[in-house]
Amino acid sequence: MKSQPALTFRNGLFYMRTSYREADLLLACEKASLISTGLREFIESREKVQSYVEKHPEFLYSLEPVKPDSEAPEIAAAAIDASIKAGVGPMAALPGALADRAMQAMLNQGAGTVIVENGGEVSMRIHREAVIGVYTGRELNLGLIVDGSTGTVGVSTSSSRVSHALSLGEADAAVVVAENASLADAVSTRVGNIVKHGCRESLEEAVELALSIRGVTGCVVYSGGLLGFGGSVKPIMLKASRLEVLESMMLKGHLFSFFVPV
């Protein structure tokens, strides 16, 4: 890990960006003293996974769910559980699971508002609506209005264009909002894998699949100029310096719709 950077403060929260092993991290909290708590939990959990995969390489390499293991550390067990729900390998859920662990450690110590981002996988408790930006690598980038007033929220994005993580599909961005980041991480990988470039039917299938998994509350998929979304999430179109809410396409319930940007 690099030398610990200084904290910054804005909008009532302390923020710290740092890295550990392959992870780029952002931790935010209203209590500066708890930032180190989250970082320490992240590091300890990451090291437990490292020790576990040395004896269980299938955790690292399998593209399919693996069986639950009573000897797995809690962080690995959480990733395995989420990956089983989504139908993917456990590594697809691990970055989100690590973010969840760091966030929970801060909440356990009395934090009220926490945001942990682990390479784009976000675990947060914020008590209000928030806008989360999504980079697609295209002219059109996205923002999502996410309601964080009801509890913890996990947000994850899978992409075949701008991420180093493995994606078998052709989504510019497949974003999932769920009850935790581990599940969001696993499901975004699953739905991203089935998206075909510019294929409306594949986007429809991806959104429906995401929303069929218990614990998922919203899904947005963008590919080849088509956008599909459903559930409680509200997309925002970000183009140059202009921010446009797609009022006419804000849907409620498990529905989806599409548009071709101009």
C-alpha atoms as a PDB file:
ATOM      1  CA  MET A   1       0.000   0.000   0.000  1.00  0.00           C
ATOM      2  CA  LYS A   2       1.189   3.500  -0.758  1.00  0.00           C
ATOM      3  CA  SER A   3       1.786   5.988   2.042  1.00  0.00           C
ATOM      4  CA  GLN A   4      -1.554   7.028   3.466  1.00  0.00           C
ATOM      5  CA  PRO A   5      -2.807  10.203   1.747  1.00  0.00           C
ATOM      6  CA  ALA A   6      -4.323  13.163   3.515  1.00  0.00           C
ATOM      7  CA  LEU A   7      -8.053  13.362   4.055  1.00  0.00           C
ATOM      8  CA  THR A   8     -10.180  15.859   2.165  1.00  0.00           C
ATOM      9  CA  PHE A   9     -13.469  17.301   3.402  1.00  0.00           C
ATOM     10  CA  ARG A  10     -16.542  18.370   1.433  1.00  0.00           C
ATOM     11  CA  ASN A  11     -20.315  18.260   1.801  1.00  0.00           C
ATOM     12  CA  GLY A  12     -20.037  17.129   5.401  1.00  0.00           C
ATOM     13  CA  LEU A  13     -17.881  14.067   4.721  1.00  0.00           C
ATOM     14  CA  PHE A  14     -14.195  13.201   4.991  1.00  0.00           C
ATOM     15  CA  TYR A  15     -12.790  11.438   1.909  1.00  0.00           C
ATOM     16  CA  MET A  16      -9.662   9.393   1.340  1.00  0.00           C
ATOM     17  CA  ARG A  17      -8.366   7.836  -1.868  1.00  0.00           C
ATOM     18  CA  THR A  18      -5.741   5.147  -1.634  1.00  0.00           C
ATOM     19  CA  SER A  19      -4.796   1.754  -3.075  1.00  0.00           C
ATOM     20  CA  TYR A  20      -3.986  -1.708  -1.802  1.00  0.00           C
ATOM     21  CA  ARG A  21      -2.682  -4.495  -4.007  1.00  0.00           C
ATOM     22  CA  GLU A  22      -4.803  -4.268  -7.188  1.00  0.00           C
ATOM     23  CA  ALA A  23      -7.569  -2.213  -5.558  1.00  0.00           C
ATOM     24  CA  ASP A  24      -8.186   1.508  -6.023  1.00  0.00           C
ATOM     25  CA  LEU A  25     -10.211   2.674  -3.038  1.00  0.00           C
ATOM     26  CA  LEU A  26     -12.346   5.602  -1.985  1.00  0.00           C
ATOM     27  CA  LEU A  27     -13.590   5.727   1.595  1.00  0.00           C
ATOM     28  CA  ALA A  28     -15.864   8.474   2.919  1.00  0.00           C
ATOM     29  CA  CYS A  29     -17.480   9.081   6.304  1.00  0.00           C
ATOM     30  CA  GLU A  30     -18.630  11.961   8.476  1.00  0.00           C
ATOM     31  CA  LYS A  31     -16.156  10.834  11.163  1.00  0.00           C
ATOM     32  CA  ALA A  32     -12.526  11.129  10.076  1.00  0.00           C
ATOM     33  CA  SER A  33     -11.343   8.655  12.707  1.00  0.00           C
ATOM     34  CA  LEU A  34     -13.412   5.856  11.160  1.00  0.00           C
ATOM     35  CA  ILE A  35     -11.769   6.045   7.728  1.00  0.00           C
ATOM     36  CA  SER A  36      -8.841   4.031   9.087  1.00  0.00           C
ATOM     37  CA  THR A  37     -11.296   1.489  10.514  1.00  0.00           C
ATOM     38  CA  GLY A  38     -12.729   0.819   7.067  1.00  0.00           C
ATOM     39  CA  LEU A  39      -9.308   0.646   5.455  1.00  0.00           C
ATOM     40  CA  ARG A  40      -8.005  -1.749   8.090  1.00  0.00           C
ATOM     41  CA  GLU A  41     -10.995  -4.052   7.613  1.00  0.00           C
ATOM     42  CA  PHE A  42     -10.507  -3.984   3.844  1.00  0.00           C
ATOM     43  CA  ILE A  43      -6.837  -4.971   4.151  1.00  0.00           C
ATOM     44  CA  GLU A  44      -7.490  -7.719   6.686  1.00  0.00           C
ATOM     45  CA  SER A  45     -10.309  -9.169   4.589  1.00  0.00           C
ATOM     46  CA  ARG A  46      -8.233  -9.007   1.412  1.00  0.00           C
ATOM     47  CA  GLU A  47      -5.395 -10.893   3.112  1.00  0.00           C
ATOM     48  CA  LYS A  48      -7.787 -13.575   4.355  1.00  0.00           C
ATOM     49  CA  VAL A  49      -8.947 -14.105   0.766  1.00  0.00           C
ATOM     50  CA  GLN A  50      -5.327 -14.324  -0.388  1.00  0.00           C
ATOM     51  CA  SER A  51      -4.623 -17.094   2.110  1.00  0.00           C
ATOM     52  CA  TYR A  52      -7.827 -18.906   1.194  1.00  0.00           C
ATOM     53  CA  VAL A  53      -7.280 -18.947  -2.583  1.00  0.00           C
ATOM     54  CA  GLU A  54      -3.798 -20.393  -2.144  1.00  0.00           C
ATOM     55  CA  LYS A  55      -5.493 -23.540  -0.848  1.00  0.00           C
ATOM     56  CA  HIS A  56      -8.663 -23.211  -2.955  1.00  0.00           C
ATOM     57  CA  PRO A  57      -7.652 -22.020  -6.446  1.00  0.00           C
ATOM     58  CA  GLU A  58     -11.128 -22.787  -7.781  1.00  0.00           C
ATOM     59  CA  PHE A  59     -12.317 -19.666  -5.974  1.00  0.00           C
ATOM     60  CA  LEU A  60      -9.987 -17.628  -8.144  1.00  0.00           C
ATOM     61  CA  TYR A  61     -10.447 -19.330 -11.514  1.00  0.00           C
ATOM     62  CA  SER A  62     -13.963 -20.741 -11.674  1.00  0.00           C
ATOM     63  CA  LEU A  63     -16.432 -18.977 -13.957  1.00  0.00           C
ATOM     64  CA  GLU A  64     -19.259 -20.953 -12.354  1.00  0.00           C
ATOM     65  CA  PRO A  65     -20.498 -20.903  -8.757  1.00  0.00           C
ATOM     66  CA  VAL A  66     -18.538 -23.049  -6.330  1.00  0.00           C
ATOM     67  CA  LYS A  67     -19.997 -24.955  -3.403  1.00  0.00           C
ATOM     68  CA  PRO A  68     -20.239 -23.212  -0.023  1.00  0.00           C
ATOM     69  CA  ASP A  69     -17.283 -24.049   2.191  1.00  0.00           C
ATOM     70  CA  SER A  70     -17.597 -24.099   5.983  1.00  0.00           C
ATOM     71  CA  GLU A  71     -13.881 -23.352   6.257  1.00  0.00           C
ATOM     72  CA  ALA A  72     -14.033 -20.227   4.084  1.00  0.00           C
ATOM     73  CA  PRO A  73     -13.453 -16.886   5.853  1.00  0.00           C
ATOM     74  CA  GLU A  74     -16.514 -14.649   6.068  1.00  0.00           C
ATOM     75  CA  ILE A  75     -15.415 -12.468   3.160  1.00  0.00           C
ATOM     76  CA  ALA A  76     -15.000 -15.482   0.854  1.00  0.00           C
ATOM     77  CA  ALA A  77     -18.285 -16.974   2.060  1.00  0.00           C
ATOM     78  CA  ALA A  78     -20.095 -13.724   1.245  1.00  0.00           C
ATOM     79  CA  ALA A  79     -18.666 -13.726  -2.280  1.00  0.00           C
ATOM     80  CA  ILE A  80     -19.587 -17.384  -2.768  1.00  0.00           C
ATOM     81  CA  ASP A  81     -23.157 -16.760  -1.587  1.00  0.00           C
ATOM     82  CA  ALA A  82     -23.663 -13.792  -3.926  1.00  0.00           C
ATOM     83  CA  SER A  83     -22.123 -15.638  -6.867  1.00  0.00           C
ATOM     84  CA  ILE A  84     -24.486 -18.589  -6.353  1.00  0.00           C
ATOM     85  CA  LYS A  85     -27.484 -16.231  -6.493  1.00  0.00           C
ATOM     86  CA  ALA A  86     -26.173 -14.674  -9.707  1.00  0.00           C
ATOM     87  CA  GLY A  87     -24.850 -17.818 -11.362  1.00  0.00           C
ATOM     88  CA  VAL A  88     -21.240 -16.681 -11.805  1.00  0.00           C
ATOM     89  CA  GLY A  89     -17.836 -17.468 -10.323  1.00  0.00           C
ATOM     90  CA  PRO A  90     -17.036 -16.149  -6.829  1.00  0.00           C
ATOM     91  CA  MET A  91     -14.377 -13.689  -7.972  1.00  0.00           C
ATOM     92  CA  ALA A  92     -17.138 -11.751  -9.741  1.00  0.00           C
ATOM     93  CA  ALA A  93     -18.543 -10.867  -6.314  1.00  0.00           C
ATOM     94  CA  LEU A  94     -15.318 -10.315  -4.386  1.00  0.00           C
ATOM     95  CA  PRO A  95     -14.635  -6.588  -5.029  1.00  0.00           C
ATOM     96  CA  GLY A  96     -18.155  -5.732  -3.939  1.00  0.00           C
ATOM     97  CA  ALA A  97     -17.898  -8.024  -0.919  1.00  0.00           C
ATOM     98  CA  LEU A  98     -14.719  -6.252   0.182  1.00  0.00           C
ATOM     99  CA  ALA A  99     -16.452  -2.881  -0.124  1.00  0.00           C
ATOM    100  CA  ASP A 100     -19.335  -4.221   1.968  1.00  0.00           C
ATOM    101  CA  ARG A 101     -16.972  -5.409   4.710  1.00  0.00           C
ATOM    102  CA  ALA A 102     -15.216  -2.059   4.923  1.00  0.00           C
ATOM    103  CA  MET A 103     -18.501  -0.173   5.035  1.00  0.00           C
ATOM    104  CA  GLN A 104     -19.980  -2.438   7.718  1.00  0.00           C
ATOM    105  CA  ALA A 105     -16.896  -2.087   9.893  1.00  0.00           C
ATOM    106  CA  MET A 106     -17.341   1.689   9.867  1.00  0.00           C
ATOM    107  CA  LEU A 107     -21.066   1.431  10.621  1.00  0.00           C
ATOM    108  CA  ASN A 108     -20.321  -0.917  13.527  1.00  0.00           C
ATOM    109  CA  GLN A 109     -18.128   1.769  15.066  1.00  0.00           C
ATOM    110  CA  GLY A 110     -20.853   4.392  14.964  1.00  0.00           C
ATOM    111  CA  ALA A 111     -20.671   5.902  11.488  1.00  0.00           C
ATOM    112  CA  GLY A 112     -23.924   7.304  10.137  1.00  0.00           C
ATOM    113  CA  THR A 113     -22.964   7.961   6.529  1.00  0.00           C
ATOM    114  CA  VAL A 114     -20.441   5.754   4.721  1.00  0.00           C
ATOM    115  CA  ILE A 115     -19.353   5.376   1.102  1.00  0.00           C
ATOM    116  CA  VAL A 116     -16.799   2.774   0.033  1.00  0.00           C
ATOM    117  CA  GLU A 117     -15.811   2.394  -3.602  1.00  0.00           C
ATOM    118  CA  ASN A 118     -13.555  -0.472  -4.623  1.00  0.00           C
ATOM    119  CA  GLY A 119     -12.598  -0.032  -8.254  1.00  0.00           C
ATOM    120  CA  GLY A 120     -16.097   1.054  -9.246  1.00  0.00           C
ATOM    121  CA  GLU A 121     -18.040  -1.251  -6.925  1.00  0.00           C
ATOM    122  CA  VAL A 122     -19.844   0.932  -4.395  1.00  0.00           C
ATOM    123  CA  SER A 123     -21.199   0.060  -0.964  1.00  0.00           C
ATOM    124  CA  MET A 124     -22.905   2.918   0.854  1.00  0.00           C
ATOM    125  CA  ARG A 125     -25.248   4.101   3.597  1.00  0.00           C
ATOM    126  CA  ILE A 126     -26.253   7.680   2.865  1.00  0.00           C
ATOM    127  CA  HIS A 127     -29.852   8.314   4.061  1.00  0.00           C
ATOM    128  CA  ARG A 128     -30.846  10.245   0.924  1.00  0.00           C
ATOM    129  CA  GLU A 129     -30.897  10.179  -2.861  1.00  0.00           C
ATOM    130  CA  ALA A 130     -27.553  10.297  -4.624  1.00  0.00           C
ATOM    131  CA  VAL A 131     -26.360  10.596  -8.210  1.00  0.00           C
ATOM    132  CA  ILE A 132     -23.741   8.035  -9.239  1.00  0.00           C
ATOM    133  CA  GLY A 133     -21.841   8.615 -12.482  1.00  0.00           C
ATOM    134  CA  VAL A 134     -21.146   5.761 -14.911  1.00  0.00           C
ATOM    135  CA  TYR A 135     -18.446   6.040 -17.582  1.00  0.00           C
ATOM    136  CA  THR A 136     -19.370   4.044 -20.699  1.00  0.00           C
ATOM    137  CA  GLY A 137     -16.451   4.919 -22.949  1.00  0.00           C
ATOM    138  CA  ARG A 138     -18.918   6.422 -25.431  1.00  0.00           C
ATOM    139  CA  GLU A 139     -20.226   9.911 -26.157  1.00  0.00           C
ATOM    140  CA  LEU A 140     -23.129   9.217 -23.830  1.00  0.00           C
ATOM    141  CA  ASN A 141     -22.270   8.633 -20.192  1.00  0.00           C
ATOM    142  CA  LEU A 142     -24.809   7.933 -17.492  1.00  0.00           C
ATOM    143  CA  GLY A 143     -25.778   9.066 -14.047  1.00  0.00           C
ATOM    144  CA  LEU A 144     -28.077   7.075 -11.811  1.00  0.00           C
ATOM    145  CA  ILE A 145     -30.375   8.555  -9.198  1.00  0.00           C
ATOM    146  CA  VAL A 146     -30.228   6.021  -6.367  1.00  0.00           C
ATOM    147  CA  ASP A 147     -32.404   6.191  -3.277  1.00  0.00           C
ATOM    148  CA  GLY A 148     -30.251   5.531  -0.251  1.00  0.00           C
ATOM    149  CA  SER A 149     -32.861   6.513   2.326  1.00  0.00           C
ATOM    150  CA  THR A 150     -34.063   3.000   3.077  1.00  0.00           C
ATOM    151  CA  GLY A 151     -30.815   1.248   4.051  1.00  0.00           C
ATOM    152  CA  THR A 152     -27.488   0.125   2.677  1.00  0.00           C
ATOM    153  CA  VAL A 153     -27.106   0.122  -1.097  1.00  0.00           C
ATOM    154  CA  GLY A 154     -24.687  -1.619  -3.427  1.00  0.00           C
ATOM    155  CA  VAL A 155     -23.982  -0.454  -6.975  1.00  0.00           C
ATOM    156  CA  SER A 156     -21.790  -2.225  -9.517  1.00  0.00           C
ATOM    157  CA  THR A 157     -20.949  -1.815 -13.198  1.00  0.00           C
ATOM    158  CA  SER A 158     -19.698  -4.428 -15.655  1.00  0.00           C
ATOM    159  CA  SER A 159     -18.286  -3.309 -19.008  1.00  0.00           C
ATOM    160  CA  SER A 160     -16.626  -4.948 -21.989  1.00  0.00           C
ATOM    161  CA  ARG A 161     -14.986  -1.620 -22.918  1.00  0.00           C
ATOM    162  CA  VAL A 162     -13.629   0.250 -19.918  1.00  0.00           C
ATOM    163  CA  SER A 163     -13.003  -2.380 -17.240  1.00  0.00           C
ATOM    164  CA  HIS A 164     -10.095  -4.765 -16.749  1.00  0.00           C
ATOM    165  CA  ALA A 165     -12.484  -7.329 -15.244  1.00  0.00           C
ATOM    166  CA  LEU A 166     -13.599 -10.237 -17.424  1.00  0.00           C
ATOM    167  CA  SER A 167     -16.865  -9.709 -19.309  1.00  0.00           C
ATOM    168  CA  LEU A 168     -18.115 -12.222 -21.874  1.00  0.00           C
ATOM    169  CA  GLY A 169     -20.712  -9.856 -23.333  1.00  0.00           C
ATOM    170  CA  GLU A 170     -20.716  -6.575 -25.245  1.00  0.00           C
ATOM    171  CA  ALA A 171     -22.218  -4.101 -22.793  1.00  0.00           C
ATOM    172  CA  ASP A 172     -20.750  -0.616 -22.683  1.00  0.00           C
ATOM    173  CA  ALA A 173     -22.145  -0.559 -19.152  1.00  0.00           C
ATOM    174  CA  ALA A 174     -24.309  -3.001 -17.216  1.00  0.00           C
ATOM    175  CA  VAL A 175     -25.188  -1.389 -13.884  1.00  0.00           C
ATOM    176  CA  VAL A 176     -26.959  -3.164 -11.045  1.00  0.00           C
ATOM    177  CA  VAL A 177     -28.314  -1.692  -7.809  1.00  0.00           C
ATOM    178  CA  ALA A 178     -28.884  -4.184  -5.008  1.00  0.00           C
ATOM    179  CA  GLU A 179     -29.133  -4.590  -1.260  1.00  0.00           C
ATOM    180  CA  ASN A 180     -25.351  -4.917  -1.049  1.00  0.00           C
ATOM    181  CA  ALA A 181     -22.342  -4.462  -3.302  1.00  0.00           C
ATOM    182  CA  SER A 182     -21.436  -8.152  -3.331  1.00  0.00           C
ATOM    183  CA  LEU A 183     -24.736  -9.085  -4.967  1.00  0.00           C
ATOM    184  CA  ALA A 184     -24.656  -6.063  -7.280  1.00  0.00           C
ATOM    185  CA  ASP A 185     -21.138  -7.040  -8.370  1.00  0.00           C
ATOM    186  CA  ALA A 186     -22.076 -10.630  -9.168  1.00  0.00           C
ATOM    187  CA  VAL A 187     -25.314  -9.770 -10.965  1.00  0.00           C
ATOM    188  CA  SER A 188     -23.742  -7.005 -13.076  1.00  0.00           C
ATOM    189  CA  THR A 189     -21.245  -9.574 -14.339  1.00  0.00           C
ATOM    190  CA  ARG A 190     -24.025 -12.049 -15.105  1.00  0.00           C
ATOM    191  CA  VAL A 191     -26.198  -9.597 -17.027  1.00  0.00           C
ATOM    192  CA  GLY A 192     -23.214  -8.024 -18.777  1.00  0.00           C
ATOM    193  CA  ASN A 193     -22.250 -11.447 -20.093  1.00  0.00           C
ATOM    194  CA  ILE A 194     -25.481 -11.839 -22.084  1.00  0.00           C
ATOM    195  CA  VAL A 195     -25.613  -8.395 -23.717  1.00  0.00           C
ATOM    196  CA  LYS A 196     -24.974  -8.242 -27.464  1.00  0.00           C
ATOM    197  CA  HIS A 197     -23.903  -4.996 -29.101  1.00  0.00           C
ATOM    198  CA  GLY A 198     -26.936  -2.943 -30.145  1.00  0.00           C
ATOM    199  CA  CYS A 199     -29.296  -5.895 -29.678  1.00  0.00           C
ATOM    200  CA  ARG A 200     -32.543  -4.755 -28.116  1.00  0.00           C
ATOM    201  CA  GLU A 201     -33.649  -8.276 -27.226  1.00  0.00           C
ATOM    202  CA  SER A 202     -30.449  -8.960 -25.292  1.00  0.00           C
ATOM    203  CA  LEU A 203     -30.849  -5.768 -23.279  1.00  0.00           C
ATOM    204  CA  GLU A 204     -34.435  -6.720 -22.498  1.00  0.00           C
ATOM    205  CA  GLU A 205     -33.298 -10.149 -21.365  1.00  0.00           C
ATOM    206  CA  ALA A 206     -30.503  -8.669 -19.245  1.00  0.00           C
ATOM    207  CA  VAL A 207     -32.789  -6.257 -17.388  1.00  0.00           C
ATOM    208  CA  GLU A 208     -35.421  -8.918 -16.770  1.00  0.00           C
ATOM    209  CA  LEU A 209     -32.773 -11.348 -15.522  1.00  0.00           C
ATOM    210  CA  ALA A 210     -31.316  -8.834 -13.074  1.00  0.00           C
ATOM    211  CA  LEU A 211     -34.703  -7.933 -11.639  1.00  0.00           C
ATOM    212  CA  SER A 212     -35.626 -11.605 -11.212  1.00  0.00           C
ATOM    213  CA  ILE A 213     -32.852 -12.064  -8.627  1.00  0.00           C
ATOM    214  CA  ARG A 214     -33.929 -11.430  -5.059  1.00  0.00           C
ATOM    215  CA  GLY A 215     -32.161  -8.454  -3.530  1.00  0.00           C
ATOM    216  CA  VAL A 216     -31.737  -6.558  -6.811  1.00  0.00           C
ATOM    217  CA  THR A 217     -33.659  -3.281  -6.907  1.00  0.00           C
ATOM    218  CA  GLY A 218     -32.623  -1.773 -10.244  1.00  0.00           C
ATOM    219  CA  CYS A 219     -30.706  -2.340 -13.457  1.00  0.00           C
ATOM    220  CA  VAL A 220     -29.475  -0.127 -16.301  1.00  0.00           C
ATOM    221  CA  VAL A 221     -27.815  -1.552 -19.425  1.00  0.00           C
ATOM    222  CA  TYR A 222     -26.280   0.505 -22.221  1.00  0.00           C
ATOM    223  CA  SER A 223     -24.916  -0.993 -25.448  1.00  0.00           C
ATOM    224  CA  GLY A 224     -24.536   0.239 -29.001  1.00  0.00           C
ATOM    225  CA  GLY A 225     -26.783   3.289 -28.579  1.00  0.00           C
ATOM    226  CA  LEU A 226     -29.547   1.423 -26.753  1.00  0.00           C
ATOM    227  CA  LEU A 227     -30.430   1.869 -23.104  1.00  0.00           C
ATOM    228  CA  GLY A 228     -32.576  -0.497 -21.078  1.00  0.00           C
ATOM    229  CA  PHE A 229     -33.498  -0.014 -17.451  1.00  0.00           C
ATOM    230  CA  GLY A 230     -35.963  -1.111 -14.819  1.00  0.00           C
ATOM    231  CA  GLY A 231     -36.705  -1.288 -11.135  1.00  0.00           C
ATOM    232  CA  SER A 232     -36.306   1.669  -8.789  1.00  0.00           C
ATOM    233  CA  VAL A 233     -33.254   3.230 -10.436  1.00  0.00           C
ATOM    234  CA  LYS A 234     -33.618   6.450 -12.466  1.00  0.00           C
ATOM    235  CA  PRO A 235     -31.131   7.115 -15.294  1.00  0.00           C
ATOM    236  CA  ILE A 236     -29.706  10.537 -16.073  1.00  0.00           C
ATOM    237  CA  MET A 237     -28.101  11.288 -19.427  1.00  0.00           C
ATOM    238  CA  LEU A 238     -24.733  13.036 -19.140  1.00  0.00           C
ATOM    239  CA  LYS A 239     -23.609  14.666 -22.383  1.00  0.00           C
ATOM    240  CA  ALA A 240     -20.804  17.217 -22.393  1.00  0.00           C
ATOM    241  CA  SER A 241     -21.653  19.759 -19.683  1.00  0.00           C
ATOM    242  CA  ARG A 242     -25.396  19.183 -20.022  1.00  0.00           C
ATOM    243  CA  LEU A 243     -27.325  17.061 -17.498  1.00  0.00           C
ATOM    244  CA  GLU A 244     -30.718  15.847 -18.615  1.00  0.00           C
ATOM    245  CA  VAL A 245     -33.098  13.741 -16.553  1.00  0.00           C
ATOM    246  CA  LEU A 246     -35.078  11.402 -18.756  1.00  0.00           C
ATOM    247  CA  GLU A 247     -38.396  12.408 -17.236  1.00  0.00           C
ATOM    248  CA  SER A 248     -40.518  10.699 -19.878  1.00  0.00           C
ATOM    249  CA  MET A 249     -38.745   7.379 -19.339  1.00  0.00           C
ATOM    250  CA  MET A 250     -38.622   7.181 -15.568  1.00  0.00           C
ATOM    251  CA  LEU A 251     -40.389   3.938 -14.883  1.00  0.00           C
ATOM    252  CA  LYS A 252     -41.724   2.513 -11.660  1.00  0.00           C
ATOM    253  CA  GLY A 253     -41.744  -1.136 -10.803  1.00  0.00           C
ATOM    254  CA  HIS A 254     -40.066  -3.934 -12.686  1.00  0.00           C
ATOM    255  CA  LEU A 255     -40.371  -2.458 -16.179  1.00  0.00           C
ATOM    256  CA  PHE A 256     -37.934  -1.464 -18.846  1.00  0.00           C
ATOM    257  CA  SER A 257     -37.709   0.808 -21.862  1.00  0.00           C
ATOM    258  CA  PHE A 258     -35.241   1.783 -24.550  1.00  0.00           C
ATOM    259  CA  PHE A 259     -34.029   4.810 -26.455  1.00  0.00           C
ATOM    260  CA  VAL A 260     -31.530   5.639 -29.164  1.00  0.00           C
ATOM    261  CA  PRO A 261     -29.498   8.742 -28.231  1.00  0.00           C
ATOM    262  CA  VAL A 262     -29.221  11.486 -30.832  1.00  0.00           C
END
